[in-house]
Every structure is written in C-alpha cells, then in structure tokens.
C-alpha atoms as a PDB file:
ATOM      1  CA  UNK A   1      -5.508  61.359 -24.170  1.00  0.00           C
ATOM      2  CA  UNK A   2      -2.009  60.736 -23.463  1.00  0.00           C
ATOM      3  CA  UNK A   3       0.963  61.589 -25.793  1.00  0.00           C
ATOM      4  CA  UNK A   4       4.379  60.179 -24.297  1.00  0.00           C
ATOM      5  CA  UNK A   5       7.737  61.112 -25.454  1.00  0.00           C
ATOM      6  CA  UNK A   6       6.498  62.928 -28.493  1.00  0.00           C
ATOM      7  CA  UNK A   7       5.235  59.569 -29.768  1.00  0.00           C
ATOM      8  CA  UNK A   8       2.627  58.854 -32.419  1.00  0.00           C
ATOM      9  CA  UNK A   9       1.087  56.466 -29.975  1.00  0.00           C
ATOM     10  CA  UNK A  10      -2.061  57.895 -28.479  1.00  0.00           C
ATOM     11  CA  UNK A  11      -4.163  55.804 -25.868  1.00  0.00           C
ATOM     12  CA  UNK A  12      -6.687  56.672 -23.470  1.00  0.00           C
ATOM     13  CA  UNK A  13      -6.678  54.404 -20.426  1.00  0.00           C
ATOM     14  CA  UNK A  14      -5.717  54.152 -16.574  1.00  0.00           C
ATOM     15  CA  UNK A  15      -2.078  53.571 -16.007  1.00  0.00           C
ATOM     16  CA  UNK A  16       0.203  52.068 -13.449  1.00  0.00           C
ATOM     17  CA  UNK A  17       3.385  54.013 -13.121  1.00  0.00           C
ATOM     18  CA  UNK A  18       7.072  52.877 -12.815  1.00  0.00           C
ATOM     19  CA  UNK A  19       9.073  55.457 -10.731  1.00  0.00           C
ATOM     20  CA  UNK A  20      12.664  55.701 -10.968  1.00  0.00           C
ATOM     21  CA  UNK A  21      14.961  56.830  -8.144  1.00  0.00           C
ATOM     22  CA  UNK A  22      14.548  60.462  -9.171  1.00  0.00           C
ATOM     23  CA  UNK A  23      10.956  60.317  -8.661  1.00  0.00           C
ATOM     24  CA  UNK A  24      10.130  60.419 -12.399  1.00  0.00           C
ATOM     25  CA  UNK A  25       6.892  58.579 -13.330  1.00  0.00           C
ATOM     26  CA  UNK A  26       6.606  56.428 -16.541  1.00  0.00           C
ATOM     27  CA  UNK A  27       3.241  54.786 -17.383  1.00  0.00           C
ATOM     28  CA  UNK A  28       4.357  51.192 -17.602  1.00  0.00           C
ATOM     29  CA  UNK A  29       1.696  50.138 -20.438  1.00  0.00           C
ATOM     30  CA  UNK A  30       3.162  52.899 -22.837  1.00  0.00           C
ATOM     31  CA  UNK A  31       6.648  52.278 -22.078  1.00  0.00           C
ATOM     32  CA  UNK A  32       6.169  48.637 -23.112  1.00  0.00           C
ATOM     33  CA  UNK A  33       3.912  49.797 -26.153  1.00  0.00           C
ATOM     34  CA  UNK A  34       6.508  52.410 -27.305  1.00  0.00           C
ATOM     35  CA  UNK A  35       9.212  49.991 -27.155  1.00  0.00           C
ATOM     36  CA  UNK A  36       7.048  47.506 -29.259  1.00  0.00           C
ATOM     37  CA  UNK A  37       7.040  45.184 -26.379  1.00  0.00           C
ATOM     38  CA  UNK A  38       3.413  44.856 -25.672  1.00  0.00           C
ATOM     39  CA  UNK A  39       0.517  44.722 -27.943  1.00  0.00           C
ATOM     40  CA  UNK A  40      -2.421  47.077 -27.633  1.00  0.00           C
ATOM     41  CA  UNK A  41      -5.083  44.835 -26.286  1.00  0.00           C
ATOM     42  CA  UNK A  42      -3.610  44.808 -22.872  1.00  0.00           C
ATOM     43  CA  UNK A  43      -4.810  47.834 -20.967  1.00  0.00           C
ATOM     44  CA  UNK A  44      -3.909  48.041 -17.228  1.00  0.00           C
ATOM     45  CA  UNK A  45      -6.621  48.722 -14.954  1.00  0.00           C
ATOM     46  CA  UNK A  46      -7.084  49.817 -11.313  1.00  0.00           C
ATOM     47  CA  UNK A  47      -5.767  47.369  -8.697  1.00  0.00           C
ATOM     48  CA  UNK A  48      -8.397  44.743  -7.830  1.00  0.00           C
ATOM     49  CA  UNK A  49      -5.860  42.644  -5.681  1.00  0.00           C
ATOM     50  CA  UNK A  50      -4.957  43.972  -2.423  1.00  0.00           C
ATOM     51  CA  UNK A  51      -1.020  44.312  -1.944  1.00  0.00           C
ATOM     52  CA  UNK A  52       0.657  44.819   1.274  1.00  0.00           C
ATOM     53  CA  UNK A  53       4.566  45.260   1.100  1.00  0.00           C
ATOM     54  CA  UNK A  54       6.490  42.996   3.729  1.00  0.00           C
ATOM     55  CA  UNK A  55       8.816  45.322   5.810  1.00  0.00           C
ATOM     56  CA  UNK A  56      11.208  42.099   6.362  1.00  0.00           C
ATOM     57  CA  UNK A  57      12.342  42.463   2.798  1.00  0.00           C
ATOM     58  CA  UNK A  58      13.464  46.018   3.265  1.00  0.00           C
ATOM     59  CA  UNK A  59      14.946  45.646   6.685  1.00  0.00           C
ATOM     60  CA  UNK A  60      18.787  45.120   6.919  1.00  0.00           C
ATOM     61  CA  UNK A  61      18.301  43.145   9.990  1.00  0.00           C
ATOM     62  CA  UNK A  62      16.781  40.490   7.974  1.00  0.00           C
ATOM     63  CA  UNK A  63      19.232  40.723   4.920  1.00  0.00           C
ATOM     64  CA  UNK A  64      21.170  37.621   6.211  1.00  0.00           C
ATOM     65  CA  UNK A  65      18.205  35.260   5.702  1.00  0.00           C
ATOM     66  CA  UNK A  66      15.761  37.094   3.243  1.00  0.00           C
ATOM     67  CA  UNK A  67      16.223  38.826   0.060  1.00  0.00           C
ATOM     68  CA  UNK A  68      15.788  42.533   0.017  1.00  0.00           C
ATOM     69  CA  UNK A  69      14.185  44.924  -2.409  1.00  0.00           C
ATOM     70  CA  UNK A  70      16.726  47.446  -3.962  1.00  0.00           C
ATOM     71  CA  UNK A  71      13.773  49.503  -6.039  1.00  0.00           C
ATOM     72  CA  UNK A  72      11.558  51.852  -4.276  1.00  0.00           C
ATOM     73  CA  UNK A  73       8.415  50.864  -2.450  1.00  0.00           C
ATOM     74  CA  UNK A  74       6.155  52.429  -5.186  1.00  0.00           C
ATOM     75  CA  UNK A  75       8.288  50.458  -7.930  1.00  0.00           C
ATOM     76  CA  UNK A  76       7.712  47.306  -5.994  1.00  0.00           C
ATOM     77  CA  UNK A  77       3.995  47.856  -6.006  1.00  0.00           C
ATOM     78  CA  UNK A  78       4.191  48.685  -9.971  1.00  0.00           C
ATOM     79  CA  UNK A  79       5.775  45.547 -10.369  1.00  0.00           C
ATOM     80  CA  UNK A  80       2.958  43.563  -8.784  1.00  0.00           C
ATOM     81  CA  UNK A  81       0.275  45.593 -10.532  1.00  0.00           C
ATOM     82  CA  UNK A  82       1.921  44.714 -13.922  1.00  0.00           C
ATOM     83  CA  UNK A  83       2.260  41.070 -13.086  1.00  0.00           C
ATOM     84  CA  UNK A  84      -1.508  40.807 -12.032  1.00  0.00           C
ATOM     85  CA  UNK A  85      -2.626  42.795 -14.935  1.00  0.00           C
ATOM     86  CA  UNK A  86      -0.388  40.655 -17.403  1.00  0.00           C
ATOM     87  CA  UNK A  87      -1.630  37.464 -15.545  1.00  0.00           C
ATOM     88  CA  UNK A  88       1.884  36.249 -15.046  1.00  0.00           C
ATOM     89  CA  UNK A  89       0.504  33.733 -12.444  1.00  0.00           C
ATOM     90  CA  UNK A  90       1.724  30.006 -11.757  1.00  0.00           C
ATOM     91  CA  UNK A  91       1.534  28.035  -8.516  1.00  0.00           C
ATOM     92  CA  UNK A  92      -0.855  30.496  -6.727  1.00  0.00           C
ATOM     93  CA  UNK A  93       1.875  33.236  -7.030  1.00  0.00           C
ATOM     94  CA  UNK A  94       2.323  36.140  -9.656  1.00  0.00           C
ATOM     95  CA  UNK A  95       5.848  36.742 -11.084  1.00  0.00           C
ATOM     96  CA  UNK A  96       6.948  40.294 -11.913  1.00  0.00           C
ATOM     97  CA  UNK A  97      10.108  42.059 -13.445  1.00  0.00           C
ATOM     98  CA  UNK A  98      11.188  45.540 -12.764  1.00  0.00           C
ATOM     99  CA  UNK A  99      10.792  47.502 -16.209  1.00  0.00           C
ATOM    100  CA  UNK A 100      11.896  51.262 -15.886  1.00  0.00           C
ATOM    101  CA  UNK A 101      12.854  53.806 -18.570  1.00  0.00           C
ATOM    102  CA  UNK A 102      15.964  51.959 -19.421  1.00  0.00           C
ATOM    103  CA  UNK A 103      14.324  48.610 -19.741  1.00  0.00           C
ATOM    104  CA  UNK A 104      14.614  45.770 -17.586  1.00  0.00           C
ATOM    105  CA  UNK A 105      16.625  46.128 -14.389  1.00  0.00           C
ATOM    106  CA  UNK A 106      17.529  44.539 -11.120  1.00  0.00           C
ATOM    107  CA  UNK A 107      14.896  44.583  -8.315  1.00  0.00           C
ATOM    108  CA  UNK A 108      16.679  43.127  -5.241  1.00  0.00           C
ATOM    109  CA  UNK A 109      19.552  41.527  -3.593  1.00  0.00           C
ATOM    110  CA  UNK A 110      19.903  37.723  -2.362  1.00  0.00           C
ATOM    111  CA  UNK A 111      20.950  37.137   1.145  1.00  0.00           C
ATOM    112  CA  UNK A 112      24.397  35.743   1.628  1.00  0.00           C
ATOM    113  CA  UNK A 113      26.481  33.877   0.647  1.00  0.00           C
ATOM    114  CA  UNK A 114      25.869  34.852  -2.812  1.00  0.00           C
ATOM    115  CA  UNK A 115      24.384  38.699  -2.161  1.00  0.00           C
ATOM    116  CA  UNK A 116      24.076  38.892  -6.146  1.00  0.00           C
ATOM    117  CA  UNK A 117      21.477  41.214  -7.851  1.00  0.00           C
ATOM    118  CA  UNK A 118      17.939  39.479  -8.455  1.00  0.00           C
ATOM    119  CA  UNK A 119      15.871  40.373 -11.594  1.00  0.00           C
ATOM    120  CA  UNK A 120      12.675  38.126 -10.694  1.00  0.00           C
ATOM    121  CA  UNK A 121       9.921  38.936  -8.051  1.00  0.00           C
ATOM    122  CA  UNK A 122       7.629  36.543  -6.602  1.00  0.00           C
ATOM    123  CA  UNK A 123       4.346  37.562  -5.002  1.00  0.00           C
ATOM    124  CA  UNK A 124       2.164  35.363  -2.641  1.00  0.00           C
ATOM    125  CA  UNK A 125      -0.919  35.720  -1.285  1.00  0.00           C
ATOM    126  CA  UNK A 126      -2.230  34.966   2.254  1.00  0.00           C
ATOM    127  CA  UNK A 127      -5.417  33.133   3.521  1.00  0.00           C
ATOM    128  CA  UNK A 128      -7.407  36.372   3.278  1.00  0.00           C
ATOM    129  CA  UNK A 129      -6.330  37.401  -0.084  1.00  0.00           C
ATOM    130  CA  UNK A 130      -3.910  39.948   0.428  1.00  0.00           C
ATOM    131  CA  UNK A 131      -0.513  39.859  -1.359  1.00  0.00           C
ATOM    132  CA  UNK A 132       3.056  40.564  -0.510  1.00  0.00           C
ATOM    133  CA  UNK A 133       6.311  39.999  -2.690  1.00  0.00           C
ATOM    134  CA  UNK A 134       9.971  39.586  -2.825  1.00  0.00           C
ATOM    135  CA  UNK A 135      13.012  39.116  -5.064  1.00  0.00           C
ATOM    136  CA  UNK A 136      13.908  35.565  -5.651  1.00  0.00           C
ATOM    137  CA  UNK A 137      17.011  33.625  -6.809  1.00  0.00           C
ATOM    138  CA  UNK A 138      15.291  31.338  -9.285  1.00  0.00           C
ATOM    139  CA  UNK A 139      18.468  29.180  -9.447  1.00  0.00           C
ATOM    140  CA  UNK A 140      18.332  28.304  -5.599  1.00  0.00           C
ATOM    141  CA  UNK A 141      14.852  26.724  -5.355  1.00  0.00           C
ATOM    142  CA  UNK A 142      12.438  24.961  -7.897  1.00  0.00           C
ATOM    143  CA  UNK A 143       9.598  26.850  -6.330  1.00  0.00           C
ATOM    144  CA  UNK A 144      11.184  30.520  -6.892  1.00  0.00           C
ATOM    145  CA  UNK A 145      11.122  30.151 -10.638  1.00  0.00           C
ATOM    146  CA  UNK A 146       8.104  31.089 -12.977  1.00  0.00           C
ATOM    147  CA  UNK A 147       6.442  28.724 -15.321  1.00  0.00           C
ATOM    148  CA  UNK A 148       7.687  28.064 -18.835  1.00  0.00           C
ATOM    149  CA  UNK A 149       4.460  29.978 -19.944  1.00  0.00           C
ATOM    150  CA  UNK A 150       5.431  33.072 -18.163  1.00  0.00           C
ATOM    151  CA  UNK A 151       9.041  32.502 -19.487  1.00  0.00           C
ATOM    152  CA  UNK A 152       7.679  32.365 -23.131  1.00  0.00           C
ATOM    153  CA  UNK A 153       5.468  35.555 -22.527  1.00  0.00           C
ATOM    154  CA  UNK A 154       8.323  37.378 -21.391  1.00  0.00           C
ATOM    155  CA  UNK A 155      10.326  36.394 -24.439  1.00  0.00           C
ATOM    156  CA  UNK A 156       7.489  36.979 -26.646  1.00  0.00           C
ATOM    157  CA  UNK A 157       7.167  40.583 -25.113  1.00  0.00           C
ATOM    158  CA  UNK A 158      10.933  41.052 -25.880  1.00  0.00           C
ATOM    159  CA  UNK A 159      11.727  41.478 -22.195  1.00  0.00           C
ATOM    160  CA  UNK A 160      14.019  38.228 -22.084  1.00  0.00           C
ATOM    161  CA  UNK A 161      16.347  36.426 -24.642  1.00  0.00           C
ATOM    162  CA  UNK A 162      15.576  32.977 -25.635  1.00  0.00           C
ATOM    163  CA  UNK A 163      19.028  31.768 -24.011  1.00  0.00           C
ATOM    164  CA  UNK A 164      17.917  33.668 -20.799  1.00  0.00           C
ATOM    165  CA  UNK A 165      14.567  32.078 -21.036  1.00  0.00           C
ATOM    166  CA  UNK A 166      16.363  28.519 -21.245  1.00  0.00           C
ATOM    167  CA  UNK A 167      18.541  29.107 -18.259  1.00  0.00           C
ATOM    168  CA  UNK A 168      15.921  30.315 -15.856  1.00  0.00           C
ATOM    169  CA  UNK A 169      13.870  27.136 -16.930  1.00  0.00           C
ATOM    170  CA  UNK A 170      16.733  24.932 -16.161  1.00  0.00           C
ATOM    171  CA  UNK A 171      17.256  26.810 -12.814  1.00  0.00           C
ATOM    172  CA  UNK A 172      20.672  28.041 -14.106  1.00  0.00           C
ATOM    173  CA  UNK A 173      22.020  31.385 -12.642  1.00  0.00           C
ATOM    174  CA  UNK A 174      21.787  34.253 -15.086  1.00  0.00           C
ATOM    175  CA  UNK A 175      21.639  37.994 -14.998  1.00  0.00           C
ATOM    176  CA  UNK A 176      18.696  39.439 -17.058  1.00  0.00           C
END
C-alpha cells in the first residue's frame, strides 16, 4: 500500500515517477489523484512502448535549430510514460506535459529567434516502433499541436484552463 503526503488516498499499483531537479521522486498518478486531477480508474502500468531519448534535443550544438529539453532525462521519460498511459495520442504521436510537485511546468526551450519556454512535448515513433520526443512550440506549426480531444482531456483533468485550451487549439502562443 502507498500512503503519500499523509493523505487518506491509499492505492496499490505500480507507478511512474516524476523526478525534480533535487532528485525527489513523486508518483505521477498519485500527484494527479491527490490534486483531484485524475479519476481512479487510470492506473499506470509498466512501459510497453520502447523509448530512447534523442541526444540532439539535449545538445547545445543543435540549439539553434532544434528545441532543447530543460527537464532531466528521467523527467522526459516520465512525461512520455504518462502520455502513453493516458492515451494522449494524435496523428501517430503522443503528447505530453511536465507535471511536477508544483503542478504543470515548462519542459523545454524553443530554438531562436523565440527561445521561449515550451510546455508541450511531442513523441514520435520510428519504423521499428521505438519512440523519442522533443518540446514543441505549438504556435509555429499546425503539426506540433495536440488534438482538440487531448486538449479537452487536459482541461477536464484541470491541467489547463479553457482559455489556454482555446489558444492552443487556434495555434496562438501562450504559457501554460
């Protein structure tokens, strides 16, 4: 049994963990459940989809042309795991958010000229079924924004507001 943060919520399951910059681990499912953001039926399972981080999105040499992760590699993997388990899929891609102990946070930086913080990740698969991801600037390309269904799911979970959902859907820049 798990008892997190002296909560009355007790749940037996396997968990994926978000890891903050200090190395503290937080079960993603329980963080969302305790915050009232996720209903109990969704239980995260062991990873069934292979994931390999792409080093180009962590290498300053590519920062002028590719977005860069600002979260740790374990946090990147946890973001992917949550996207897969929550079935946030659209156009053969999974779409993720970085959910830490303080709630939703930035997960990357856009390449110049904007160089702004990014809050949405896109995960794509290759021909042999391996996946990698990168932070996306949803306002720069129509292919780099999640579907209205995913946005609605994020809204229903309390992860984004209705105005933010509308801005992302219309391809307008906004900070989450």
